[in-house]
Amino acid sequence: MNAPFPAARIGGGLIFTSGLAAIDTATMTPSAETFDEQATNVLDQLDAALDAAGSSRAQVLKLDCYLSDRRWFASWNAAFAKYFESAAPARTTTVTTLPIEGLFIEIQAIAVAES
C-alpha cells in the first residue's frame, strides 16, 4: 500500500501536513522501535515538511497527535515541550488504533505559510 500523497499542501496562506509517522514506506513497517525514536522521527519529518513549504515550527498553529496507547502520553508531553520550547501551538492528543502494527505515534499540523 504505497498511497501517493504529499507531506504538506499550502492553501489560503496555511500549510496542512499529511499524517506523519515513522514508517519505512518500502516495507510499510515502523522505521523505529521505541516511542522516543518514533516521536523524534515524526517531529523531524514535520521540520522537513515545513521547511520544504517555506515555514518553520514557530509558525505551527495547531498540532494533532494520535497515540496508540495512553501510556505514551507522558513521553509525548516531554517530546512536545522539548520540540516547541517557545510558541507552542494549540494541540489535541487522541488515543486510537493506528494503521500499522508497532506504530506508536502519528501527527499532523497546520502552520502559517511564510511569504
PDB file of N, CA and C in Angstrom:
ATOM      1  N   MET A   1       0.841  -1.185   0.000  1.00  0.00           N
ATOM      2  CA  MET A   1       0.000   0.000   0.000  1.00  0.00           C
ATOM      3  C   MET A   1       0.881   1.241   0.000  1.00  0.00           C
ATOM      4  N   ASN A   2       1.241   1.717  -1.117  1.00  0.00           N
ATOM      5  CA  ASN A   2       2.012   2.947  -1.235  1.00  0.00           C
ATOM      6  C   ASN A   2       1.129   4.036  -1.831  1.00  0.00           C
ATOM      7  N   ALA A   3       0.289   4.622  -1.006  1.00  0.00           N
ATOM      8  CA  ALA A   3      -0.596   5.680  -1.456  1.00  0.00           C
ATOM      9  C   ALA A   3       0.219   6.944  -1.695  1.00  0.00           C
ATOM     10  N   PRO A   4       0.151   7.506  -2.879  1.00  0.00           N
ATOM     11  CA  PRO A   4       0.907   8.737  -3.139  1.00  0.00           C
ATOM     12  C   PRO A   4       0.204   9.937  -2.505  1.00  0.00           C
ATOM     13  N   PHE A   5       0.911  10.602  -1.613  1.00  0.00           N
ATOM     14  CA  PHE A   5       0.365  11.814  -1.024  1.00  0.00           C
ATOM     15  C   PHE A   5       1.513  12.722  -0.639  1.00  0.00           C
ATOM     16  N   PRO A   6       1.266  14.019  -0.659  1.00  0.00           N
ATOM     17  CA  PRO A   6       2.326  14.964  -0.313  1.00  0.00           C
ATOM     18  C   PRO A   6       2.531  15.028   1.192  1.00  0.00           C
ATOM     19  N   ALA A   7       3.721  15.422   1.606  1.00  0.00           N
ATOM     20  CA  ALA A   7       3.988  15.633   3.032  1.00  0.00           C
ATOM     21  C   ALA A   7       3.178  16.823   3.539  1.00  0.00           C
ATOM     22  N   ALA A   8       2.942  17.807   2.639  1.00  0.00           N
ATOM     23  CA  ALA A   8       2.188  19.001   3.029  1.00  0.00           C
ATOM     24  C   ALA A   8       1.591  19.665   1.799  1.00  0.00           C
ATOM     25  N   ARG A   9       0.518  20.413   2.017  1.00  0.00           N
ATOM     26  CA  ARG A   9      -0.108  21.234   0.971  1.00  0.00           C
ATOM     27  C   ARG A   9      -0.297  22.639   1.529  1.00  0.00           C
ATOM     28  N   ILE A  10      -0.251  23.621   0.636  1.00  0.00           N
ATOM     29  CA  ILE A  10      -0.432  25.018   1.018  1.00  0.00           C
ATOM     30  C   ILE A  10      -1.721  25.533   0.398  1.00  0.00           C
ATOM     31  N   GLY A  11      -2.496  26.252   1.183  1.00  0.00           N
ATOM     32  CA  GLY A  11      -3.714  26.877   0.682  1.00  0.00           C
ATOM     33  C   GLY A  11      -4.184  27.941   1.649  1.00  0.00           C
ATOM     34  N   GLY A  12      -4.634  29.050   1.114  1.00  0.00           N
ATOM     35  CA  GLY A  12      -5.159  30.117   1.962  1.00  0.00           C
ATOM     36  C   GLY A  12      -4.155  30.654   2.960  1.00  0.00           C
ATOM     37  N   GLY A  13      -2.872  30.604   2.606  1.00  0.00           N
ATOM     38  CA  GLY A  13      -1.831  31.116   3.493  1.00  0.00           C
ATOM     39  C   GLY A  13      -1.457  30.164   4.612  1.00  0.00           C
ATOM     40  N   LEU A  14      -1.982  28.923   4.534  1.00  0.00           N
ATOM     41  CA  LEU A  14      -1.691  27.936   5.561  1.00  0.00           C
ATOM     42  C   LEU A  14      -1.055  26.694   4.953  1.00  0.00           C
ATOM     43  N   ILE A  15      -0.298  25.973   5.772  1.00  0.00           N
ATOM     44  CA  ILE A  15       0.291  24.692   5.387  1.00  0.00           C
ATOM     45  C   ILE A  15      -0.435  23.614   6.177  1.00  0.00           C
ATOM     46  N   PHE A  16      -0.886  22.581   5.474  1.00  0.00           N
ATOM     47  CA  PHE A  16      -1.552  21.442   6.088  1.00  0.00           C
ATOM     48  C   PHE A  16      -0.683  20.215   5.830  1.00  0.00           C
ATOM     49  N   THR A  17      -0.194  19.579   6.881  1.00  0.00           N
ATOM     50  CA  THR A  17       0.618  18.386   6.653  1.00  0.00           C
ATOM     51  C   THR A  17      -0.267  17.149   6.581  1.00  0.00           C
ATOM     52  N   SER A  18       0.242  16.161   5.896  1.00  0.00           N
ATOM     53  CA  SER A  18      -0.375  14.837   5.937  1.00  0.00           C
ATOM     54  C   SER A  18      -0.028  14.223   7.285  1.00  0.00           C
ATOM     55  N   GLY A  19      -0.605  13.079   7.578  1.00  0.00           N
ATOM     56  CA  GLY A  19      -0.228  12.354   8.785  1.00  0.00           C
ATOM     57  C   GLY A  19       1.228  11.923   8.666  1.00  0.00           C
ATOM     58  N   LEU A  20       2.032  12.248   9.633  1.00  0.00           N
ATOM     59  CA  LEU A  20       3.459  11.916   9.628  1.00  0.00           C
ATOM     60  C   LEU A  20       3.703  10.825  10.654  1.00  0.00           C
ATOM     61  N   ALA A  21       4.333   9.738  10.210  1.00  0.00           N
ATOM     62  CA  ALA A  21       4.592   8.602  11.089  1.00  0.00           C
ATOM     63  C   ALA A  21       5.937   7.989  10.733  1.00  0.00           C
ATOM     64  N   ALA A  22       6.523   7.298  11.678  1.00  0.00           N
ATOM     65  CA  ALA A  22       7.829   6.651  11.488  1.00  0.00           C
ATOM     66  C   ALA A  22       7.624   5.331  10.750  1.00  0.00           C
ATOM     67  N   ILE A  23       7.449   5.437   9.431  1.00  0.00           N
ATOM     68  CA  ILE A  23       7.150   4.264   8.608  1.00  0.00           C
ATOM     69  C   ILE A  23       8.198   4.107   7.514  1.00  0.00           C
ATOM     70  N   ASP A  24       8.690   2.893   7.344  1.00  0.00           N
ATOM     71  CA  ASP A  24       9.529   2.540   6.200  1.00  0.00           C
ATOM     72  C   ASP A  24       8.556   2.262   5.056  1.00  0.00           C
ATOM     73  N   THR A  25       8.486   3.169   4.091  1.00  0.00           N
ATOM     74  CA  THR A  25       7.489   3.041   3.026  1.00  0.00           C
ATOM     75  C   THR A  25       7.731   1.848   2.109  1.00  0.00           C
ATOM     76  N   ALA A  26       8.943   1.328   2.072  1.00  0.00           N
ATOM     77  CA  ALA A  26       9.225   0.153   1.238  1.00  0.00           C
ATOM     78  C   ALA A  26       8.593  -1.102   1.828  1.00  0.00           C
ATOM     79  N   THR A  27       8.574  -1.185   3.164  1.00  0.00           N
ATOM     80  CA  THR A  27       8.047  -2.387   3.817  1.00  0.00           C
ATOM     81  C   THR A  27       6.727  -2.138   4.551  1.00  0.00           C
ATOM     82  N   MET A  28       6.350  -0.868   4.677  1.00  0.00           N
ATOM     83  CA  MET A  28       5.152  -0.463   5.419  1.00  0.00           C
ATOM     84  C   MET A  28       5.190  -0.995   6.856  1.00  0.00           C
ATOM     85  N   THR A  29       6.366  -0.887   7.454  1.00  0.00           N
ATOM     86  CA  THR A  29       6.565  -1.257   8.851  1.00  0.00           C
ATOM     87  C   THR A  29       7.184  -0.061   9.579  1.00  0.00           C
ATOM     88  N   PRO A  30       7.086  -0.027  10.907  1.00  0.00           N
ATOM     89  CA  PRO A  30       7.714   1.077  11.637  1.00  0.00           C
ATOM     90  C   PRO A  30       9.219   1.131  11.372  1.00  0.00           C
ATOM     91  N   SER A  31       9.732   2.339  11.217  1.00  0.00           N
ATOM     92  CA  SER A  31      11.161   2.526  10.952  1.00  0.00           C
ATOM     93  C   SER A  31      11.942   2.761  12.239  1.00  0.00           C
ATOM     94  N   ALA A  32      11.251   2.779  13.364  1.00  0.00           N
ATOM     95  CA  ALA A  32      11.891   2.944  14.667  1.00  0.00           C
ATOM     96  C   ALA A  32      11.148   2.062  15.665  1.00  0.00           C
ATOM     97  N   GLU A  33      11.881   1.561  16.662  1.00  0.00           N
ATOM     98  CA  GLU A  33      11.300   0.589  17.590  1.00  0.00           C
ATOM     99  C   GLU A  33      10.718   1.173  18.864  1.00  0.00           C
ATOM    100  N   THR A  34      11.272   2.281  19.361  1.00  0.00           N
ATOM    101  CA  THR A  34      10.790   2.828  20.627  1.00  0.00           C
ATOM    102  C   THR A  34       9.909   4.050  20.386  1.00  0.00           C
ATOM    103  N   PHE A  35       9.119   4.388  21.403  1.00  0.00           N
ATOM    104  CA  PHE A  35       8.278   5.579  21.280  1.00  0.00           C
ATOM    105  C   PHE A  35       9.124   6.820  21.058  1.00  0.00           C
ATOM    106  N   ASP A  36      10.182   6.990  21.844  1.00  0.00           N
ATOM    107  CA  ASP A  36      11.007   8.194  21.726  1.00  0.00           C
ATOM    108  C   ASP A  36      11.630   8.313  20.342  1.00  0.00           C
ATOM    109  N   GLU A  37      12.080   7.204  19.772  1.00  0.00           N
ATOM    110  CA  GLU A  37      12.635   7.230  18.409  1.00  0.00           C
ATOM    111  C   GLU A  37      11.560   7.607  17.397  1.00  0.00           C
ATOM    112  N   GLN A  38      10.365   7.064  17.554  1.00  0.00           N
ATOM    113  CA  GLN A  38       9.280   7.391  16.626  1.00  0.00           C
ATOM    114  C   GLN A  38       8.868   8.859  16.768  1.00  0.00           C
ATOM    115  N   ALA A  39       8.793   9.359  17.995  1.00  0.00           N
ATOM    116  CA  ALA A  39       8.425  10.757  18.207  1.00  0.00           C
ATOM    117  C   ALA A  39       9.459  11.688  17.585  1.00  0.00           C
ATOM    118  N   THR A  40      10.731  11.393  17.789  1.00  0.00           N
ATOM    119  CA  THR A  40      11.787  12.198  17.171  1.00  0.00           C
ATOM    120  C   THR A  40      11.673  12.160  15.656  1.00  0.00           C
ATOM    121  N   ASN A  41      11.411  10.986  15.107  1.00  0.00           N
ATOM    122  CA  ASN A  41      11.277  10.831  13.661  1.00  0.00           C
ATOM    123  C   ASN A  41      10.147  11.690  13.110  1.00  0.00           C
ATOM    124  N   VAL A  42       8.962  11.644  13.738  1.00  0.00           N
ATOM    125  CA  VAL A  42       7.834  12.411  13.197  1.00  0.00           C
ATOM    126  C   VAL A  42       8.058  13.908  13.353  1.00  0.00           C
ATOM    127  N   LEU A  43       8.711  14.332  14.430  1.00  0.00           N
ATOM    128  CA  LEU A  43       8.980  15.753  14.587  1.00  0.00           C
ATOM    129  C   LEU A  43      10.045  16.218  13.594  1.00  0.00           C
ATOM    130  N   ASP A  44      11.015  15.361  13.275  1.00  0.00           N
ATOM    131  CA  ASP A  44      11.982  15.677  12.216  1.00  0.00           C
ATOM    132  C   ASP A  44      11.280  15.766  10.859  1.00  0.00           C
ATOM    133  N   GLN A  45      10.335  14.864  10.613  1.00  0.00           N
ATOM    134  CA  GLN A  45       9.558  14.922   9.373  1.00  0.00           C
ATOM    135  C   GLN A  45       8.754  16.220   9.291  1.00  0.00           C
ATOM    136  N   LEU A  46       8.206  16.640  10.436  1.00  0.00           N
ATOM    137  CA  LEU A  46       7.457  17.893  10.458  1.00  0.00           C
ATOM    138  C   LEU A  46       8.368  19.058  10.108  1.00  0.00           C
ATOM    139  N   ASP A  47       9.556  19.104  10.701  1.00  0.00           N
ATOM    140  CA  ASP A  47      10.519  20.155  10.345  1.00  0.00           C
ATOM    141  C   ASP A  47      10.799  20.155   8.844  1.00  0.00           C
ATOM    142  N   ALA A  48      11.021  18.975   8.268  1.00  0.00           N
ATOM    143  CA  ALA A  48      11.336  18.871   6.838  1.00  0.00           C
ATOM    144  C   ALA A  48      10.159  19.334   5.981  1.00  0.00           C
ATOM    145  N   ALA A  49       8.945  18.930   6.328  1.00  0.00           N
ATOM    146  CA  ALA A  49       7.761  19.328   5.559  1.00  0.00           C
ATOM    147  C   ALA A  49       7.555  20.835   5.630  1.00  0.00           C
ATOM    148  N   LEU A  50       7.716  21.400   6.825  1.00  0.00           N
ATOM    149  CA  LEU A  50       7.553  22.848   6.981  1.00  0.00           C
ATOM    150  C   LEU A  50       8.638  23.608   6.233  1.00  0.00           C
ATOM    151  N   ASP A  51       9.879  23.133   6.329  1.00  0.00           N
ATOM    152  CA  ASP A  51      10.985  23.772   5.624  1.00  0.00           C
ATOM    153  C   ASP A  51      10.756  23.753   4.114  1.00  0.00           C
ATOM    154  N   ALA A  52      10.320  22.606   3.590  1.00  0.00           N
ATOM    155  CA  ALA A  52      10.068  22.488   2.148  1.00  0.00           C
ATOM    156  C   ALA A  52       8.946  23.424   1.699  1.00  0.00           C
ATOM    157  N   ALA A  53       8.026  23.725   2.609  1.00  0.00           N
ATOM    158  CA  ALA A  53       6.917  24.621   2.280  1.00  0.00           C
ATOM    159  C   ALA A  53       7.240  26.078   2.612  1.00  0.00           C
ATOM    160  N   GLY A  54       8.466  26.336   3.077  1.00  0.00           N
ATOM    161  CA  GLY A  54       8.893  27.700   3.373  1.00  0.00           C
ATOM    162  C   GLY A  54       8.440  28.208   4.729  1.00  0.00           C
ATOM    163  N   SER A  55       8.286  27.316   5.695  1.00  0.00           N
ATOM    164  CA  SER A  55       7.839  27.722   7.019  1.00  0.00           C
ATOM    165  C   SER A  55       8.732  27.072   8.080  1.00  0.00           C
ATOM    166  N   SER A  56       8.279  27.120   9.330  1.00  0.00           N
ATOM    167  CA  SER A  56       9.068  26.562  10.427  1.00  0.00           C
ATOM    168  C   SER A  56       8.142  26.171  11.580  1.00  0.00           C
ATOM    169  N   ARG A  57       8.709  25.475  12.557  1.00  0.00           N
ATOM    170  CA  ARG A  57       7.897  25.034  13.704  1.00  0.00           C
ATOM    171  C   ARG A  57       7.325  26.213  14.479  1.00  0.00           C
ATOM    172  N   ALA A  58       7.985  27.371  14.431  1.00  0.00           N
ATOM    173  CA  ALA A  58       7.467  28.556  15.128  1.00  0.00           C
ATOM    174  C   ALA A  58       6.148  29.034  14.527  1.00  0.00           C
ATOM    175  N   GLN A  59       5.857  28.599  13.322  1.00  0.00           N
ATOM    176  CA  GLN A  59       4.634  29.015  12.630  1.00  0.00           C
ATOM    177  C   GLN A  59       3.491  28.006  12.773  1.00  0.00           C
ATOM    178  N   VAL A  60       3.708  26.914  13.509  1.00  0.00           N
ATOM    179  CA  VAL A  60       2.659  25.908  13.682  1.00  0.00           C
ATOM    180  C   VAL A  60       1.574  26.464  14.606  1.00  0.00           C
ATOM    181  N   LEU A  61       0.347  26.443  14.108  1.00  0.00           N
ATOM    182  CA  LEU A  61      -0.791  26.935  14.879  1.00  0.00           C
ATOM    183  C   LEU A  61      -1.509  25.822  15.630  1.00  0.00           C
ATOM    184  N   LYS A  62      -1.586  24.640  15.003  1.00  0.00           N
ATOM    185  CA  LYS A  62      -2.359  23.520  15.548  1.00  0.00           C
ATOM    186  C   LYS A  62      -1.642  22.223  15.243  1.00  0.00           C
ATOM    187  N   LEU A  63      -1.562  21.355  16.227  1.00  0.00           N
ATOM    188  CA  LEU A  63      -0.935  20.056  16.049  1.00  0.00           C
ATOM    189  C   LEU A  63      -1.882  18.996  16.589  1.00  0.00           C
ATOM    190  N   ASP A  64      -2.154  17.994  15.782  1.00  0.00           N
ATOM    191  CA  ASP A  64      -2.957  16.848  16.209  1.00  0.00           C
ATOM    192  C   ASP A  64      -2.028  15.656  16.332  1.00  0.00           C
ATOM    193  N   CYS A  65      -2.121  14.963  17.463  1.00  0.00           N
ATOM    194  CA  CYS A  65      -1.298  13.797  17.714  1.00  0.00           C
ATOM    195  C   CYS A  65      -2.196  12.605  17.973  1.00  0.00           C
ATOM    196  N   TYR A  66      -1.827  11.475  17.393  1.00  0.00           N
ATOM    197  CA  TYR A  66      -2.548  10.221  17.590  1.00  0.00           C
ATOM    198  C   TYR A  66      -1.572   9.233  18.225  1.00  0.00           C
ATOM    199  N   LEU A  67      -1.923   8.743  19.398  1.00  0.00           N
ATOM    200  CA  LEU A  67      -1.095   7.780  20.124  1.00  0.00           C
ATOM    201  C   LEU A  67      -1.786   6.422  20.115  1.00  0.00           C
ATOM    202  N   SER A  68      -1.002   5.361  20.020  1.00  0.00           N
ATOM    203  CA  SER A  68      -1.573   4.009  20.013  1.00  0.00           C
ATOM    204  C   SER A  68      -1.976   3.535  21.404  1.00  0.00           C
ATOM    205  N   ASP A  69      -1.452   4.208  22.448  1.00  0.00           N
ATOM    206  CA  ASP A  69      -1.748   3.792  23.812  1.00  0.00           C
ATOM    207  C   ASP A  69      -1.546   4.987  24.738  1.00  0.00           C
ATOM    208  N   ARG A  70      -2.391   5.122  25.734  1.00  0.00           N
ATOM    209  CA  ARG A  70      -2.279   6.265  26.650  1.00  0.00           C
ATOM    210  C   ARG A  70      -0.992   6.248  27.459  1.00  0.00           C
ATOM    211  N   ARG A  71      -0.313   5.095  27.541  1.00  0.00           N
ATOM    212  CA  ARG A  71       0.945   5.041  28.304  1.00  0.00           C
ATOM    213  C   ARG A  71       2.020   5.922  27.688  1.00  0.00           C
ATOM    214  N   TRP A  72       1.842   6.326  26.413  1.00  0.00           N
ATOM    215  CA  TRP A  72       2.823   7.176  25.734  1.00  0.00           C
ATOM    216  C   TRP A  72       2.580   8.659  25.997  1.00  0.00           C
ATOM    217  N   PHE A  73       1.509   8.986  26.712  1.00  0.00           N
ATOM    218  CA  PHE A  73       1.139  10.396  26.873  1.00  0.00           C
ATOM    219  C   PHE A  73       2.227  11.222  27.567  1.00  0.00           C
ATOM    220  N   ALA A  74       2.798  10.731  28.650  1.00  0.00           N
ATOM    221  CA  ALA A  74       3.847  11.490  29.353  1.00  0.00           C
ATOM    222  C   ALA A  74       5.077  11.690  28.467  1.00  0.00           C
ATOM    223  N   SER A  75       5.454  10.650  27.726  1.00  0.00           N
ATOM    224  CA  SER A  75       6.603  10.766  26.806  1.00  0.00           C
ATOM    225  C   SER A  75       6.291  11.755  25.687  1.00  0.00           C
ATOM    226  N   TRP A  76       5.047  11.744  25.212  1.00  0.00           N
ATOM    227  CA  TRP A  76       4.637  12.686  24.168  1.00  0.00           C
ATOM    228  C   TRP A  76       4.698  14.117  24.713  1.00  0.00           C
ATOM    229  N   ASN A  77       4.216  14.342  25.935  1.00  0.00           N
ATOM    230  CA  ASN A  77       4.285  15.682  26.533  1.00  0.00           C
ATOM    231  C   ASN A  77       5.727  16.166  26.611  1.00  0.00           C
ATOM    232  N   ALA A  78       6.640  15.283  27.001  1.00  0.00           N
ATOM    233  CA  ALA A  78       8.051  15.659  27.107  1.00  0.00           C
ATOM    234  C   ALA A  78       8.634  16.004  25.736  1.00  0.00           C
ATOM    235  N   ALA A  79       8.334  15.187  24.724  1.00  0.00           N
ATOM    236  CA  ALA A  79       8.838  15.452  23.364  1.00  0.00           C
ATOM    237  C   ALA A  79       8.260  16.762  22.826  1.00  0.00           C
ATOM    238  N   PHE A  80       6.979  16.985  23.054  1.00  0.00           N
ATOM    239  CA  PHE A  80       6.310  18.206  22.601  1.00  0.00           C
ATOM    240  C   PHE A  80       6.942  19.431  23.248  1.00  0.00           C
ATOM    241  N   ALA A  81       7.151  19.382  24.566  1.00  0.00           N
ATOM    242  CA  ALA A  81       7.734  20.520  25.285  1.00  0.00           C
ATOM    243  C   ALA A  81       9.150  20.824  24.802  1.00  0.00           C
ATOM    244  N   LYS A  82       9.921  19.788  24.527  1.00  0.00           N
ATOM    245  CA  LYS A  82      11.288  19.983  24.038  1.00  0.00           C
ATOM    246  C   LYS A  82      11.286  20.560  22.617  1.00  0.00           C
ATOM    247  N   TYR A  83      10.398  20.053  21.760  1.00  0.00           N
ATOM    248  CA  TYR A  83      10.339  20.474  20.364  1.00  0.00           C
ATOM    249  C   TYR A  83       9.813  21.901  20.237  1.00  0.00           C
ATOM    250  N   PHE A  84       8.779  22.213  21.007  1.00  0.00           N
ATOM    251  CA  PHE A  84       8.188  23.558  20.982  1.00  0.00           C
ATOM    252  C   PHE A  84       8.566  24.285  22.267  1.00  0.00           C
ATOM    253  N   GLU A  85       9.844  24.652  22.388  1.00  0.00           N
ATOM    254  CA  GLU A  85      10.319  25.326  23.600  1.00  0.00           C
ATOM    255  C   GLU A  85       9.676  26.695  23.781  1.00  0.00           C
ATOM    256  N   SER A  86       9.283  27.310  22.675  1.00  0.00           N
ATOM    257  CA  SER A  86       8.548  28.580  22.748  1.00  0.00           C
ATOM    258  C   SER A  86       7.454  28.535  21.694  1.00  0.00           C
ATOM    259  N   ALA A  87       6.454  29.322  21.893  1.00  0.00           N
ATOM    260  CA  ALA A  87       5.329  29.431  20.951  1.00  0.00           C
ATOM    261  C   ALA A  87       4.686  28.082  20.646  1.00  0.00           C
ATOM    262  N   ALA A  88       4.325  27.346  21.690  1.00  0.00           N
ATOM    263  CA  ALA A  88       3.663  26.060  21.495  1.00  0.00           C
ATOM    264  C   ALA A  88       2.315  26.270  20.816  1.00  0.00           C
ATOM    265  N   PRO A  89       1.989  25.420  19.843  1.00  0.00           N
ATOM    266  CA  PRO A  89       0.699  25.539  19.159  1.00  0.00           C
ATOM    267  C   PRO A  89      -0.439  24.945  19.987  1.00  0.00           C
ATOM    268  N   ALA A  90      -1.658  25.253  19.577  1.00  0.00           N
ATOM    269  CA  ALA A  90      -2.810  24.546  20.136  1.00  0.00           C
ATOM    270  C   ALA A  90      -2.614  23.070  19.794  1.00  0.00           C
ATOM    271  N   ARG A  91      -3.124  22.183  20.652  1.00  0.00           N
ATOM    272  CA  ARG A  91      -2.819  20.768  20.465  1.00  0.00           C
ATOM    273  C   ARG A  91      -3.986  19.898  20.895  1.00  0.00           C
ATOM    274  N   THR A  92      -4.168  18.810  20.150  1.00  0.00           N
ATOM    275  CA  THR A  92      -5.108  17.762  20.526  1.00  0.00           C
ATOM    276  C   THR A  92      -4.357  16.446  20.485  1.00  0.00           C
ATOM    277  N   THR A  93      -4.548  15.620  21.503  1.00  0.00           N
ATOM    278  CA  THR A  93      -3.952  14.286  21.524  1.00  0.00           C
ATOM    279  C   THR A  93      -5.083  13.276  21.654  1.00  0.00           C
ATOM    280  N   THR A  94      -5.100  12.305  20.750  1.00  0.00           N
ATOM    281  CA  THR A  94      -6.128  11.277  20.727  1.00  0.00           C
ATOM    282  C   THR A  94      -5.465   9.911  20.840  1.00  0.00           C
ATOM    283  N   VAL A  95      -6.014   9.055  21.675  1.00  0.00           N
ATOM    284  CA  VAL A  95      -5.544   7.675  21.767  1.00  0.00           C
ATOM    285  C   VAL A  95      -6.450   6.843  20.865  1.00  0.00           C
ATOM    286  N   THR A  96      -5.830   6.120  19.922  1.00  0.00           N
ATOM    287  CA  THR A  96      -6.595   5.391  18.919  1.00  0.00           C
ATOM    288  C   THR A  96      -5.774   4.243  18.359  1.00  0.00           C
ATOM    289  N   THR A  97      -6.413   3.421  17.572  1.00  0.00           N
ATOM    290  CA  THR A  97      -5.691   2.363  16.856  1.00  0.00           C
ATOM    291  C   THR A  97      -5.030   2.989  15.638  1.00  0.00           C
ATOM    292  N   LEU A  98      -3.740   2.750  15.464  1.00  0.00           N
ATOM    293  CA  LEU A  98      -3.018   3.258  14.298  1.00  0.00           C
ATOM    294  C   LEU A  98      -2.967   2.161  13.246  1.00  0.00           C
ATOM    295  N   PRO A  99      -2.803   2.525  11.964  1.00  0.00           N
ATOM    296  CA  PRO A  99      -2.974   1.566  10.872  1.00  0.00           C
ATOM    297  C   PRO A  99      -1.896   0.498  10.715  1.00  0.00           C
ATOM    298  N   ILE A 100      -0.754   0.669  11.377  1.00  0.00           N
ATOM    299  CA  ILE A 100       0.343  -0.293  11.217  1.00  0.00           C
ATOM    300  C   ILE A 100       0.761  -0.807  12.583  1.00  0.00           C
ATOM    301  N   GLU A 101       0.840  -2.114  12.718  1.00  0.00           N
ATOM    302  CA  GLU A 101       1.262  -2.742  13.974  1.00  0.00           C
ATOM    303  C   GLU A 101       2.648  -2.233  14.376  1.00  0.00           C
ATOM    304  N   GLY A 102       2.794  -1.846  15.642  1.00  0.00           N
ATOM    305  CA  GLY A 102       4.077  -1.355  16.127  1.00  0.00           C
ATOM    306  C   GLY A 102       4.251   0.149  15.991  1.00  0.00           C
ATOM    307  N   LEU A 103       3.292   0.819  15.367  1.00  0.00           N
ATOM    308  CA  LEU A 103       3.338   2.271  15.247  1.00  0.00           C
ATOM    309  C   LEU A 103       2.744   2.858  16.523  1.00  0.00           C
ATOM    310  N   PHE A 104       3.468   3.800  17.146  1.00  0.00           N
ATOM    311  CA  PHE A 104       3.044   4.360  18.420  1.00  0.00           C
ATOM    312  C   PHE A 104       2.502   5.776  18.313  1.00  0.00           C
ATOM    313  N   ILE A 105       2.892   6.509  17.253  1.00  0.00           N
ATOM    314  CA  ILE A 105       2.537   7.924  17.154  1.00  0.00           C
ATOM    315  C   ILE A 105       2.392   8.340  15.692  1.00  0.00           C
ATOM    316  N   GLU A 106       1.437   9.223  15.448  1.00  0.00           N
ATOM    317  CA  GLU A 106       1.278   9.884  14.156  1.00  0.00           C
ATOM    318  C   GLU A 106       0.852  11.312  14.455  1.00  0.00           C
ATOM    319  N   ILE A 107       1.368  12.272  13.690  1.00  0.00           N
ATOM    320  CA  ILE A 107       0.993  13.668  13.905  1.00  0.00           C
ATOM    321  C   ILE A 107       0.604  14.319  12.590  1.00  0.00           C
ATOM    322  N   GLN A 108      -0.138  15.404  12.709  1.00  0.00           N
ATOM    323  CA  GLN A 108      -0.410  16.278  11.572  1.00  0.00           C
ATOM    324  C   GLN A 108      -0.494  17.699  12.106  1.00  0.00           C
ATOM    325  N   ALA A 109      -0.206  18.676  11.247  1.00  0.00           N
ATOM    326  CA  ALA A 109      -0.142  20.046  11.730  1.00  0.00           C
ATOM    327  C   ALA A 109      -0.720  21.018  10.714  1.00  0.00           C
ATOM    328  N   ILE A 110      -1.091  22.175  11.230  1.00  0.00           N
ATOM    329  CA  ILE A 110      -1.486  23.322  10.417  1.00  0.00           C
ATOM    330  C   ILE A 110      -0.551  24.459  10.819  1.00  0.00           C
ATOM    331  N   ALA A 111       0.072  25.070   9.835  1.00  0.00           N
ATOM    332  CA  ALA A 111       1.034  26.153  10.104  1.00  0.00           C
ATOM    333  C   ALA A 111       0.798  27.310   9.159  1.00  0.00           C
ATOM    334  N   VAL A 112       1.301  28.454   9.534  1.00  0.00           N
ATOM    335  CA  VAL A 112       1.252  29.642   8.669  1.00  0.00           C
ATOM    336  C   VAL A 112       2.334  29.486   7.616  1.00  0.00           C
ATOM    337  N   ALA A 113       1.974  29.727   6.368  1.00  0.00           N
ATOM    338  CA  ALA A 113       2.957  29.713   5.281  1.00  0.00           C
ATOM    339  C   ALA A 113       3.680  31.059   5.296  1.00  0.00           C
ATOM    340  N   GLU A 114       4.972  31.031   5.427  1.00  0.00           N
ATOM    341  CA  GLU A 114       5.750  32.276   5.425  1.00  0.00           C
ATOM    342  C   GLU A 114       5.848  32.770   3.994  1.00  0.00           C
ATOM    343  N   SER A 115       5.750  34.073   3.813  1.00  0.00           N
ATOM    344  CA  SER A 115       5.870  34.599   2.447  1.00  0.00           C
ATOM    345  C   SER A 115       7.092  35.454   2.274  1.00  0.00           C
TER     346      SER A 115
END
